[in-house]
Amino acid sequence: MMSQSPQDGPEQQCVQAISSLAIDEQEVLATATAPETGEHEAPTRRPKDAPVGFLTLPAELRLRIYEDVLVSRFAGTALKYGGKRTEGTKQVLVHLMDSSQCKNMGAGLLRTCRQVHLEANQIVYAQNTFHIREAEDGLRFLDKIGPRNSAYIVGITIWVSYLAGCRAWLQLLQRLATSATGLRRLTIGWGARTDCAIPSQRGAMERGLGDNLDFVRTLAQIQGLDELVIQGYYAKPWPAYLEKAMGVKVQTEDGYVTGTPMFGADISAQARERQEIYQQELYAIEQNNVREYQRGTEDLVP
């Protein structure tokens, strides 16, 4: 069985990537019109016959509208992972953010006027979770949004293919450590080729970067997290090392099981039972593969 990215399975079809949100802040401010009212003016009593516009709405209502428009949402699927149900979460796929097939009105809203931009811009980066599966895509994304918006990012998920080279990933991790100072939730997973015997020799392509010392040392430079989840195929000492170096409790999800999406009450009890059995079998296979992968990594000291 081939280890996959969490976004490579059937559930990818229901993701709504926000492609147009990574926009240059200076470009937005240059093209935005001035607000009808001062950016920081105190609210004044509006005449009864005055026209009602977006900026006349209460601030709380405007914030709710911003969240509905700018936060990526989709009907998540529920999967069984080692007896634990994991619910689909909203994510923005960084590698699709320039796709013409994934446009929405987010950027247009931010360009409405300076007041809207000031009120809504941080929501884009603080309330979305960004998924990165190619280091080069992540670097381009950070370059495009700039250091100020990079500091607003709160949640990131990363999947490192076993085919990936190390250099670009080290550059991305260093950028996250220095630029994404608001990062609080990080999930990172490493792939390995598991449709054949996993080689025991460190550095073999089939093993991926889950036992790479430079990678885990650079990852440990990221500080200030409230939540760190590591997935897939990684060296046995990594959880304890990262917990000590990063000062955060590490949650582990060994291997990776995609399975077939379960849609709650939309499937029969019999189909649900078959699905549960299938996922348990996949999980058992993954656990065996992980044990095989970690054999011989016990003495790795970052």
C-alpha atoms as a PDB file:
ATOM      1  CA  MET A   1       0.000   0.000   0.000  1.00  0.00           C
ATOM      2  CA  MET A   2       1.310   3.459  -0.913  1.00  0.00           C
ATOM      3  CA  SER A   3       1.288   6.121   1.781  1.00  0.00           C
ATOM      4  CA  GLN A   4      -0.694   9.138   0.609  1.00  0.00           C
ATOM      5  CA  SER A   5      -1.135  12.776   1.379  1.00  0.00           C
ATOM      6  CA  PRO A   6      -4.254  13.471   3.466  1.00  0.00           C
ATOM      7  CA  GLN A   7      -5.527  15.556   0.553  1.00  0.00           C
ATOM      8  CA  ASP A   8      -5.002  12.848  -2.103  1.00  0.00           C
ATOM      9  CA  GLY A   9      -8.042  10.751  -1.210  1.00  0.00           C
ATOM     10  CA  PRO A  10     -11.696  11.002  -2.271  1.00  0.00           C
ATOM     11  CA  GLU A  11     -12.346  13.676   0.319  1.00  0.00           C
ATOM     12  CA  GLN A  12     -10.327  16.138  -1.786  1.00  0.00           C
ATOM     13  CA  GLN A  13     -13.334  16.534  -4.075  1.00  0.00           C
ATOM     14  CA  CYS A  14     -15.313  18.400  -1.419  1.00  0.00           C
ATOM     15  CA  VAL A  15     -12.584  20.893  -0.477  1.00  0.00           C
ATOM     16  CA  GLN A  16     -13.284  24.506  -1.396  1.00  0.00           C
ATOM     17  CA  ALA A  17      -9.856  26.112  -1.784  1.00  0.00           C
ATOM     18  CA  ILE A  18      -9.762  29.873  -1.426  1.00  0.00           C
ATOM     19  CA  SER A  19      -7.532  30.637  -4.369  1.00  0.00           C
ATOM     20  CA  SER A  20      -7.811  34.395  -4.500  1.00  0.00           C
ATOM     21  CA  LEU A  21      -7.003  35.252  -0.901  1.00  0.00           C
ATOM     22  CA  ALA A  22      -3.222  35.305  -1.242  1.00  0.00           C
ATOM     23  CA  ILE A  23      -3.118  38.830  -2.553  1.00  0.00           C
ATOM     24  CA  ASP A  24      -0.550  41.519  -2.100  1.00  0.00           C
ATOM     25  CA  GLU A  25      -1.619  43.822   0.718  1.00  0.00           C
ATOM     26  CA  GLN A  26      -0.094  46.928  -0.885  1.00  0.00           C
ATOM     27  CA  GLU A  27      -1.991  46.151  -4.089  1.00  0.00           C
ATOM     28  CA  VAL A  28      -5.239  45.962  -2.152  1.00  0.00           C
ATOM     29  CA  LEU A  29      -4.651  49.231  -0.329  1.00  0.00           C
ATOM     30  CA  ALA A  30      -3.666  50.955  -3.564  1.00  0.00           C
ATOM     31  CA  THR A  31      -6.805  49.894  -5.426  1.00  0.00           C
ATOM     32  CA  ALA A  32      -9.304  50.115  -2.581  1.00  0.00           C
ATOM     33  CA  THR A  33     -11.566  53.123  -2.478  1.00  0.00           C
ATOM     34  CA  ALA A  34     -11.725  55.326   0.580  1.00  0.00           C
ATOM     35  CA  PRO A  35     -14.468  54.378   3.040  1.00  0.00           C
ATOM     36  CA  GLU A  36     -17.559  56.491   3.123  1.00  0.00           C
ATOM     37  CA  THR A  37     -16.873  57.108   6.790  1.00  0.00           C
ATOM     38  CA  GLY A  38     -13.503  57.588   8.467  1.00  0.00           C
ATOM     39  CA  GLU A  39     -11.599  54.398   9.187  1.00  0.00           C
ATOM     40  CA  HIS A  40     -11.641  55.019  12.909  1.00  0.00           C
ATOM     41  CA  GLU A  41     -14.457  57.511  13.293  1.00  0.00           C
ATOM     42  CA  ALA A  42     -16.830  57.073  16.194  1.00  0.00           C
ATOM     43  CA  PRO A  43     -20.315  55.945  15.094  1.00  0.00           C
ATOM     44  CA  THR A  44     -22.800  58.757  14.644  1.00  0.00           C
ATOM     45  CA  ARG A  45     -26.569  58.753  14.626  1.00  0.00           C
ATOM     46  CA  ARG A  46     -27.806  58.087  11.086  1.00  0.00           C
ATOM     47  CA  PRO A  47     -30.752  60.089   9.751  1.00  0.00           C
ATOM     48  CA  LYS A  48     -33.860  58.000   9.185  1.00  0.00           C
ATOM     49  CA  ASP A  49     -33.846  58.672   5.449  1.00  0.00           C
ATOM     50  CA  ALA A  50     -30.108  58.003   4.993  1.00  0.00           C
ATOM     51  CA  PRO A  51     -29.250  55.108   2.632  1.00  0.00           C
ATOM     52  CA  VAL A  52     -28.317  51.805   4.242  1.00  0.00           C
ATOM     53  CA  GLY A  53     -24.959  50.423   3.133  1.00  0.00           C
ATOM     54  CA  PHE A  54     -22.634  47.650   4.226  1.00  0.00           C
ATOM     55  CA  LEU A  55     -20.550  49.954   6.413  1.00  0.00           C
ATOM     56  CA  THR A  56     -23.667  51.143   8.242  1.00  0.00           C
ATOM     57  CA  LEU A  57     -24.279  47.613   9.546  1.00  0.00           C
ATOM     58  CA  PRO A  58     -23.257  46.867  13.143  1.00  0.00           C
ATOM     59  CA  ALA A  59     -19.631  45.768  13.429  1.00  0.00           C
ATOM     60  CA  GLU A  60     -20.612  42.358  14.824  1.00  0.00           C
ATOM     61  CA  LEU A  61     -22.797  41.669  11.795  1.00  0.00           C
ATOM     62  CA  ARG A  62     -20.055  42.752   9.405  1.00  0.00           C
ATOM     63  CA  LEU A  63     -17.629  40.368  11.112  1.00  0.00           C
ATOM     64  CA  ARG A  64     -20.079  37.480  10.678  1.00  0.00           C
ATOM     65  CA  ILE A  65     -20.365  38.295   6.982  1.00  0.00           C
ATOM     66  CA  TYR A  66     -16.587  38.410   6.616  1.00  0.00           C
ATOM     67  CA  GLU A  67     -16.300  34.981   8.228  1.00  0.00           C
ATOM     68  CA  ASP A  68     -18.975  33.481   5.973  1.00  0.00           C
ATOM     69  CA  VAL A  69     -17.254  34.800   2.858  1.00  0.00           C
ATOM     70  CA  LEU A  70     -13.576  34.444   3.732  1.00  0.00           C
ATOM     71  CA  VAL A  71     -13.371  31.221   5.737  1.00  0.00           C
ATOM     72  CA  SER A  72     -13.152  28.061   3.644  1.00  0.00           C
ATOM     73  CA  ARG A  73     -15.812  25.536   4.599  1.00  0.00           C
ATOM     74  CA  PHE A  74     -16.902  22.177   3.264  1.00  0.00           C
ATOM     75  CA  ALA A  75     -19.057  19.243   4.300  1.00  0.00           C
ATOM     76  CA  GLY A  76     -16.419  17.213   6.098  1.00  0.00           C
ATOM     77  CA  THR A  77     -16.289  13.436   6.019  1.00  0.00           C
ATOM     78  CA  ALA A  78     -15.865  11.276   9.098  1.00  0.00           C
ATOM     79  CA  LEU A  79     -13.136   8.641   9.073  1.00  0.00           C
ATOM     80  CA  LYS A  80     -12.155   6.049  11.618  1.00  0.00           C
ATOM     81  CA  TYR A  81      -8.487   6.247  12.520  1.00  0.00           C
ATOM     82  CA  GLY A  82      -7.312   3.644  14.997  1.00  0.00           C
ATOM     83  CA  GLY A  83     -10.718   3.548  16.660  1.00  0.00           C
ATOM     84  CA  LYS A  84     -10.854   7.345  16.783  1.00  0.00           C
ATOM     85  CA  ARG A  85     -13.229   9.309  14.569  1.00  0.00           C
ATOM     86  CA  THR A  86     -11.670  12.254  12.773  1.00  0.00           C
ATOM     87  CA  GLU A  87     -13.967  14.897  11.328  1.00  0.00           C
ATOM     88  CA  GLY A  88     -13.278  16.753   8.116  1.00  0.00           C
ATOM     89  CA  THR A  89     -11.905  20.235   8.691  1.00  0.00           C
ATOM     90  CA  LYS A  90     -11.816  23.355   6.590  1.00  0.00           C
ATOM     91  CA  GLN A  91      -8.552  23.817   4.751  1.00  0.00           C
ATOM     92  CA  VAL A  92      -7.170  26.051   2.028  1.00  0.00           C
ATOM     93  CA  LEU A  93      -5.031  24.087  -0.400  1.00  0.00           C
ATOM     94  CA  VAL A  94      -2.041  26.301  -1.107  1.00  0.00           C
ATOM     95  CA  HIS A  95      -1.167  24.480  -4.345  1.00  0.00           C
ATOM     96  CA  LEU A  96      -4.600  25.322  -5.790  1.00  0.00           C
ATOM     97  CA  MET A  97      -4.712  28.966  -4.811  1.00  0.00           C
ATOM     98  CA  ASP A  98      -3.854  30.209  -8.308  1.00  0.00           C
ATOM     99  CA  SER A  99      -6.241  27.846 -10.065  1.00  0.00           C
ATOM    100  CA  SER A 100      -8.916  29.524 -12.177  1.00  0.00           C
ATOM    101  CA  GLN A 101     -11.261  26.722 -11.113  1.00  0.00           C
ATOM    102  CA  CYS A 102     -11.166  27.812  -7.462  1.00  0.00           C
ATOM    103  CA  LYS A 103     -12.105  31.480  -7.560  1.00  0.00           C
ATOM    104  CA  ASN A 104     -14.389  33.100  -5.034  1.00  0.00           C
ATOM    105  CA  MET A 105     -15.306  36.628  -4.050  1.00  0.00           C
ATOM    106  CA  GLY A 106     -12.824  36.931  -1.188  1.00  0.00           C
ATOM    107  CA  ALA A 107     -10.285  39.167  -2.891  1.00  0.00           C
ATOM    108  CA  GLY A 108     -13.020  41.359  -4.329  1.00  0.00           C
ATOM    109  CA  LEU A 109     -14.448  41.935  -0.871  1.00  0.00           C
ATOM    110  CA  LEU A 110     -11.053  42.915   0.537  1.00  0.00           C
ATOM    111  CA  ARG A 111     -10.640  45.442  -2.278  1.00  0.00           C
ATOM    112  CA  THR A 112     -13.960  47.149  -1.561  1.00  0.00           C
ATOM    113  CA  CYS A 113     -12.415  49.872   0.580  1.00  0.00           C
ATOM    114  CA  ARG A 114      -9.714  50.405   3.145  1.00  0.00           C
ATOM    115  CA  GLN A 115     -12.063  50.009   6.100  1.00  0.00           C
ATOM    116  CA  VAL A 116     -13.257  46.606   4.896  1.00  0.00           C
ATOM    117  CA  HIS A 117      -9.666  45.545   4.289  1.00  0.00           C
ATOM    118  CA  LEU A 118      -8.604  46.607   7.772  1.00  0.00           C
ATOM    119  CA  GLU A 119     -11.550  44.816   9.378  1.00  0.00           C
ATOM    120  CA  ALA A 120     -11.446  41.609   7.340  1.00  0.00           C
ATOM    121  CA  ASN A 121      -7.868  40.936   6.299  1.00  0.00           C
ATOM    122  CA  GLN A 122      -6.754  39.195   9.481  1.00  0.00           C
ATOM    123  CA  ILE A 123      -9.760  36.828   9.341  1.00  0.00           C
ATOM    124  CA  VAL A 124      -8.419  35.336   6.101  1.00  0.00           C
ATOM    125  CA  TYR A 125      -5.220  34.131   7.721  1.00  0.00           C
ATOM    126  CA  ALA A 126      -6.265  33.567  11.334  1.00  0.00           C
ATOM    127  CA  GLN A 127      -9.430  31.529  10.736  1.00  0.00           C
ATOM    128  CA  ASN A 128      -8.390  29.377   7.781  1.00  0.00           C
ATOM    129  CA  THR A 129      -6.130  26.340   7.972  1.00  0.00           C
ATOM    130  CA  PHE A 130      -3.616  26.214   5.130  1.00  0.00           C
ATOM    131  CA  HIS A 131      -2.504  22.876   3.689  1.00  0.00           C
ATOM    132  CA  ILE A 132       0.955  22.606   2.115  1.00  0.00           C
ATOM    133  CA  ARG A 133       2.100  19.502   0.268  1.00  0.00           C
ATOM    134  CA  GLU A 134       4.942  21.009  -1.803  1.00  0.00           C
ATOM    135  CA  ALA A 135       7.588  23.156  -0.116  1.00  0.00           C
ATOM    136  CA  GLU A 136       7.939  25.387  -3.177  1.00  0.00           C
ATOM    137  CA  ASP A 137       4.206  26.169  -3.074  1.00  0.00           C
ATOM    138  CA  GLY A 138       4.507  27.128   0.586  1.00  0.00           C
ATOM    139  CA  LEU A 139       7.444  29.440  -0.090  1.00  0.00           C
ATOM    140  CA  ARG A 140       5.621  31.157  -2.966  1.00  0.00           C
ATOM    141  CA  PHE A 141       2.563  31.588  -0.758  1.00  0.00           C
ATOM    142  CA  LEU A 142       4.557  33.282   2.013  1.00  0.00           C
ATOM    143  CA  ASP A 143       6.315  35.511  -0.518  1.00  0.00           C
ATOM    144  CA  LYS A 144       2.983  36.554  -2.016  1.00  0.00           C
ATOM    145  CA  ILE A 145       1.161  37.437   1.190  1.00  0.00           C
ATOM    146  CA  GLY A 146       4.151  39.167   2.785  1.00  0.00           C
ATOM    147  CA  PRO A 147       5.538  39.134   6.340  1.00  0.00           C
ATOM    148  CA  ARG A 148       2.620  40.999   7.937  1.00  0.00           C
ATOM    149  CA  ASN A 149      -0.007  38.509   6.766  1.00  0.00           C
ATOM    150  CA  SER A 150       2.338  35.574   7.419  1.00  0.00           C
ATOM    151  CA  ALA A 151       2.337  36.581  11.077  1.00  0.00           C
ATOM    152  CA  TYR A 152      -1.477  36.270  11.153  1.00  0.00           C
ATOM    153  CA  ILE A 153      -1.466  32.581  10.150  1.00  0.00           C
ATOM    154  CA  VAL A 154      -2.692  30.354  12.984  1.00  0.00           C
ATOM    155  CA  GLY A 155      -3.154  26.876  11.468  1.00  0.00           C
ATOM    156  CA  ILE A 156      -1.079  24.910   8.941  1.00  0.00           C
ATOM    157  CA  THR A 157      -1.073  21.269   7.866  1.00  0.00           C
ATOM    158  CA  ILE A 158       1.864  19.794   5.948  1.00  0.00           C
ATOM    159  CA  TRP A 159       2.277  16.497   4.141  1.00  0.00           C
ATOM    160  CA  VAL A 160       5.782  15.574   2.968  1.00  0.00           C
ATOM    161  CA  SER A 161       5.820  13.093   0.092  1.00  0.00           C
ATOM    162  CA  TYR A 162       8.443  10.366   0.218  1.00  0.00           C
ATOM    163  CA  LEU A 163       9.613  11.677  -3.175  1.00  0.00           C
ATOM    164  CA  ALA A 164      10.350  15.170  -1.814  1.00  0.00           C
ATOM    165  CA  GLY A 165      13.826  16.626  -1.597  1.00  0.00           C
ATOM    166  CA  CYS A 166      14.979  18.029   1.727  1.00  0.00           C
ATOM    167  CA  ARG A 167      16.437  21.428   0.837  1.00  0.00           C
ATOM    168  CA  ALA A 168      13.217  23.271  -0.021  1.00  0.00           C
ATOM    169  CA  TRP A 169      11.460  21.864   3.044  1.00  0.00           C
ATOM    170  CA  LEU A 170      14.253  23.144   5.286  1.00  0.00           C
ATOM    171  CA  GLN A 171      13.852  26.587   3.734  1.00  0.00           C
ATOM    172  CA  LEU A 172      10.096  26.525   4.316  1.00  0.00           C
ATOM    173  CA  LEU A 173      10.411  25.411   7.939  1.00  0.00           C
ATOM    174  CA  GLN A 174      12.933  28.180   8.595  1.00  0.00           C
ATOM    175  CA  ARG A 175      10.552  30.722   7.054  1.00  0.00           C
ATOM    176  CA  LEU A 176       7.689  29.491   9.208  1.00  0.00           C
ATOM    177  CA  ALA A 177       9.874  29.732  12.316  1.00  0.00           C
ATOM    178  CA  THR A 178      10.776  33.361  11.598  1.00  0.00           C
ATOM    179  CA  SER A 179       7.715  34.712   9.747  1.00  0.00           C
ATOM    180  CA  ALA A 180       4.666  32.764  10.964  1.00  0.00           C
ATOM    181  CA  THR A 181       4.972  34.065  14.510  1.00  0.00           C
ATOM    182  CA  GLY A 182       1.243  33.659  15.145  1.00  0.00           C
ATOM    183  CA  LEU A 183       1.245  29.960  14.247  1.00  0.00           C
ATOM    184  CA  ARG A 184      -0.476  27.953  16.977  1.00  0.00           C
ATOM    185  CA  ARG A 185      -1.646  24.717  15.301  1.00  0.00           C
ATOM    186  CA  LEU A 186       0.639  22.575  13.156  1.00  0.00           C
ATOM    187  CA  THR A 187       0.029  19.121  11.734  1.00  0.00           C
ATOM    188  CA  ILE A 188       2.876  17.521   9.798  1.00  0.00           C
ATOM    189  CA  GLY A 189       3.036  14.090   8.199  1.00  0.00           C
ATOM    190  CA  TRP A 190       5.727  12.166   6.348  1.00  0.00           C
ATOM    191  CA  GLY A 191       5.041   9.664   3.602  1.00  0.00           C
ATOM    192  CA  ALA A 192       6.910   6.450   2.853  1.00  0.00           C
ATOM    193  CA  ARG A 193       6.621   3.907   0.081  1.00  0.00           C
ATOM    194  CA  THR A 194       4.889   0.943   1.666  1.00  0.00           C
ATOM    195  CA  ASP A 195       3.737  -1.132  -1.302  1.00  0.00           C
ATOM    196  CA  CYS A 196       7.026  -3.016  -1.040  1.00  0.00           C
ATOM    197  CA  ALA A 197       9.436  -3.867   1.754  1.00  0.00           C
ATOM    198  CA  ILE A 198      10.584  -0.673   3.483  1.00  0.00           C
ATOM    199  CA  PRO A 199      14.385  -0.420   3.233  1.00  0.00           C
ATOM    200  CA  SER A 200      16.171  -0.217   6.566  1.00  0.00           C
ATOM    201  CA  GLN A 201      18.952   2.035   5.265  1.00  0.00           C
ATOM    202  CA  ARG A 202      18.471   5.666   6.261  1.00  0.00           C
ATOM    203  CA  GLY A 203      18.414   8.004   3.290  1.00  0.00           C
ATOM    204  CA  ALA A 204      16.734   5.518   0.974  1.00  0.00           C
ATOM    205  CA  MET A 205      14.181   7.292  -1.223  1.00  0.00           C
ATOM    206  CA  GLU A 206      11.399   4.929  -0.163  1.00  0.00           C
ATOM    207  CA  ARG A 207      11.774   6.016   3.462  1.00  0.00           C
ATOM    208  CA  GLY A 208      11.077   9.666   2.719  1.00  0.00           C
ATOM    209  CA  LEU A 209      12.186  12.377   5.144  1.00  0.00           C
ATOM    210  CA  GLY A 210      10.584  11.007   8.293  1.00  0.00           C
ATOM    211  CA  ASP A 211      13.955   9.966   9.724  1.00  0.00           C
ATOM    212  CA  ASN A 212      15.977  12.923   8.439  1.00  0.00           C
ATOM    213  CA  LEU A 213      17.909  14.637  11.241  1.00  0.00           C
ATOM    214  CA  ASP A 214      18.223  18.000   9.492  1.00  0.00           C
ATOM    215  CA  PHE A 215      14.478  18.068   8.891  1.00  0.00           C
ATOM    216  CA  VAL A 216      13.460  17.397  12.490  1.00  0.00           C
ATOM    217  CA  ARG A 217      16.051  19.838  13.883  1.00  0.00           C
ATOM    218  CA  THR A 218      14.749  22.599  11.626  1.00  0.00           C
ATOM    219  CA  LEU A 219      11.154  21.745  12.494  1.00  0.00           C
ATOM    220  CA  ALA A 220      12.040  22.179  16.171  1.00  0.00           C
ATOM    221  CA  GLN A 221      12.902  25.838  15.529  1.00  0.00           C
ATOM    222  CA  ILE A 222       9.185  26.634  15.307  1.00  0.00           C
ATOM    223  CA  GLN A 223       8.065  27.889  18.705  1.00  0.00           C
ATOM    224  CA  GLY A 224       4.858  29.090  20.355  1.00  0.00           C
ATOM    225  CA  LEU A 225       2.588  26.239  19.254  1.00  0.00           C
ATOM    226  CA  ASP A 226      -0.451  25.194  21.258  1.00  0.00           C
ATOM    227  CA  GLU A 227      -0.995  22.021  19.221  1.00  0.00           C
ATOM    228  CA  LEU A 228       1.416  19.781  17.297  1.00  0.00           C
ATOM    229  CA  VAL A 229       0.311  16.614  15.513  1.00  0.00           C
ATOM    230  CA  ILE A 230       2.771  14.363  13.678  1.00  0.00           C
ATOM    231  CA  GLN A 231       1.518  11.752  11.248  1.00  0.00           C
ATOM    232  CA  GLY A 232       2.734   9.066   8.920  1.00  0.00           C
ATOM    233  CA  TYR A 233       6.199   7.544   9.014  1.00  0.00           C
ATOM    234  CA  TYR A 234       8.779   9.064  11.341  1.00  0.00           C
ATOM    235  CA  ALA A 235      11.679   7.987  13.559  1.00  0.00           C
ATOM    236  CA  LYS A 236      10.733   6.638  16.948  1.00  0.00           C
ATOM    237  CA  PRO A 237      12.496   9.351  19.049  1.00  0.00           C
ATOM    238  CA  TRP A 238      10.826  12.259  17.253  1.00  0.00           C
ATOM    239  CA  PRO A 239       7.750  12.750  19.508  1.00  0.00           C
ATOM    240  CA  ALA A 240       9.805  12.989  22.710  1.00  0.00           C
ATOM    241  CA  TYR A 241      12.431  15.196  21.063  1.00  0.00           C
ATOM    242  CA  LEU A 242       9.909  17.610  19.546  1.00  0.00           C
ATOM    243  CA  GLU A 243       7.935  17.816  22.769  1.00  0.00           C
ATOM    244  CA  LYS A 244      11.049  18.881  24.668  1.00  0.00           C
ATOM    245  CA  ALA A 245      12.473  21.182  21.979  1.00  0.00           C
ATOM    246  CA  MET A 246       9.197  22.908  21.058  1.00  0.00           C
ATOM    247  CA  GLY A 247       7.566  23.002  24.473  1.00  0.00           C
ATOM    248  CA  VAL A 248       4.256  21.523  23.336  1.00  0.00           C
ATOM    249  CA  LYS A 249       2.566  18.172  23.864  1.00  0.00           C
ATOM    250  CA  VAL A 250       2.889  16.094  20.699  1.00  0.00           C
ATOM    251  CA  GLN A 251      -0.039  14.076  19.384  1.00  0.00           C
ATOM    252  CA  THR A 252       0.862  11.142  17.125  1.00  0.00           C
ATOM    253  CA  GLU A 253      -1.065   9.418  14.347  1.00  0.00           C
ATOM    254  CA  ASP A 254       1.089   6.594  13.033  1.00  0.00           C
ATOM    255  CA  GLY A 255       0.827   5.839   9.351  1.00  0.00           C
ATOM    256  CA  TYR A 256      -1.988   7.246   7.319  1.00  0.00           C
ATOM    257  CA  VAL A 257      -5.383   5.705   6.550  1.00  0.00           C
ATOM    258  CA  THR A 258      -7.646   7.338   4.003  1.00  0.00           C
ATOM    259  CA  GLY A 259     -10.241   4.629   3.456  1.00  0.00           C
ATOM    260  CA  THR A 260     -13.583   5.516   1.926  1.00  0.00           C
ATOM    261  CA  PRO A 261     -15.474   8.560   3.239  1.00  0.00           C
ATOM    262  CA  MET A 262     -18.338   7.877   5.619  1.00  0.00           C
ATOM    263  CA  PHE A 263     -21.279  10.207   5.340  1.00  0.00           C
ATOM    264  CA  GLY A 264     -23.042   9.675   8.651  1.00  0.00           C
ATOM    265  CA  ALA A 265     -26.671   8.676   8.270  1.00  0.00           C
ATOM    266  CA  ASP A 266     -26.372   8.597   4.465  1.00  0.00           C
ATOM    267  CA  ILE A 267     -25.198   4.969   4.512  1.00  0.00           C
ATOM    268  CA  SER A 268     -26.916   1.878   5.872  1.00  0.00           C
ATOM    269  CA  ALA A 269     -25.917   0.197   9.114  1.00  0.00           C
ATOM    270  CA  GLN A 270     -24.612  -2.792   7.163  1.00  0.00           C
ATOM    271  CA  ALA A 271     -22.501  -0.597   4.899  1.00  0.00           C
ATOM    272  CA  ARG A 272     -21.246   1.298   7.926  1.00  0.00           C
ATOM    273  CA  GLU A 273     -20.171  -1.953   9.582  1.00  0.00           C
ATOM    274  CA  ARG A 274     -18.288  -3.035   6.458  1.00  0.00           C
ATOM    275  CA  GLN A 275     -16.654   0.376   6.360  1.00  0.00           C
ATOM    276  CA  GLU A 276     -15.556   0.080   9.992  1.00  0.00           C
ATOM    277  CA  ILE A 277     -14.035  -3.362   9.378  1.00  0.00           C
ATOM    278  CA  TYR A 278     -12.254  -2.145   6.258  1.00  0.00           C
ATOM    279  CA  GLN A 279     -10.738   0.813   8.049  1.00  0.00           C
ATOM    280  CA  GLN A 280      -9.657  -1.315  11.001  1.00  0.00           C
ATOM    281  CA  GLU A 281      -7.866  -3.658   8.600  1.00  0.00           C
ATOM    282  CA  LEU A 282      -6.131  -0.730   6.923  1.00  0.00           C
ATOM    283  CA  TYR A 283      -5.139   0.667  10.289  1.00  0.00           C
ATOM    284  CA  ALA A 284      -3.625  -2.678  11.350  1.00  0.00           C
ATOM    285  CA  ILE A 285      -1.576  -2.778   8.143  1.00  0.00           C
ATOM    286  CA  GLU A 286      -0.384   0.777   8.719  1.00  0.00           C
ATOM    287  CA  GLN A 287       0.635   0.005  12.296  1.00  0.00           C
ATOM    288  CA  ASN A 288       2.718  -2.925  11.106  1.00  0.00           C
ATOM    289  CA  ASN A 289       4.342  -0.759   8.434  1.00  0.00           C
ATOM    290  CA  VAL A 290       5.174   1.931  10.990  1.00  0.00           C
ATOM    291  CA  ARG A 291       6.796  -0.598  13.337  1.00  0.00           C
ATOM    292  CA  GLU A 292       8.869  -1.851  10.410  1.00  0.00           C
ATOM    293  CA  TYR A 293       9.834   1.719   9.498  1.00  0.00           C
ATOM    294  CA  GLN A 294      10.869   2.643  13.040  1.00  0.00           C
ATOM    295  CA  ARG A 295      12.988  -0.457  13.571  1.00  0.00           C
ATOM    296  CA  GLY A 296      16.585   0.744  13.821  1.00  0.00           C
ATOM    297  CA  THR A 297      15.697   4.399  14.452  1.00  0.00           C
ATOM    298  CA  GLU A 298      15.630   4.100  18.231  1.00  0.00           C
ATOM    299  CA  ASP A 299      19.165   5.470  18.615  1.00  0.00           C
ATOM    300  CA  LEU A 300      18.728   8.506  16.364  1.00  0.00           C
ATOM    301  CA  VAL A 301      19.561  11.583  18.439  1.00  0.00           C
ATOM    302  CA  PRO A 302      18.788  14.992  16.860  1.00  0.00           C
END
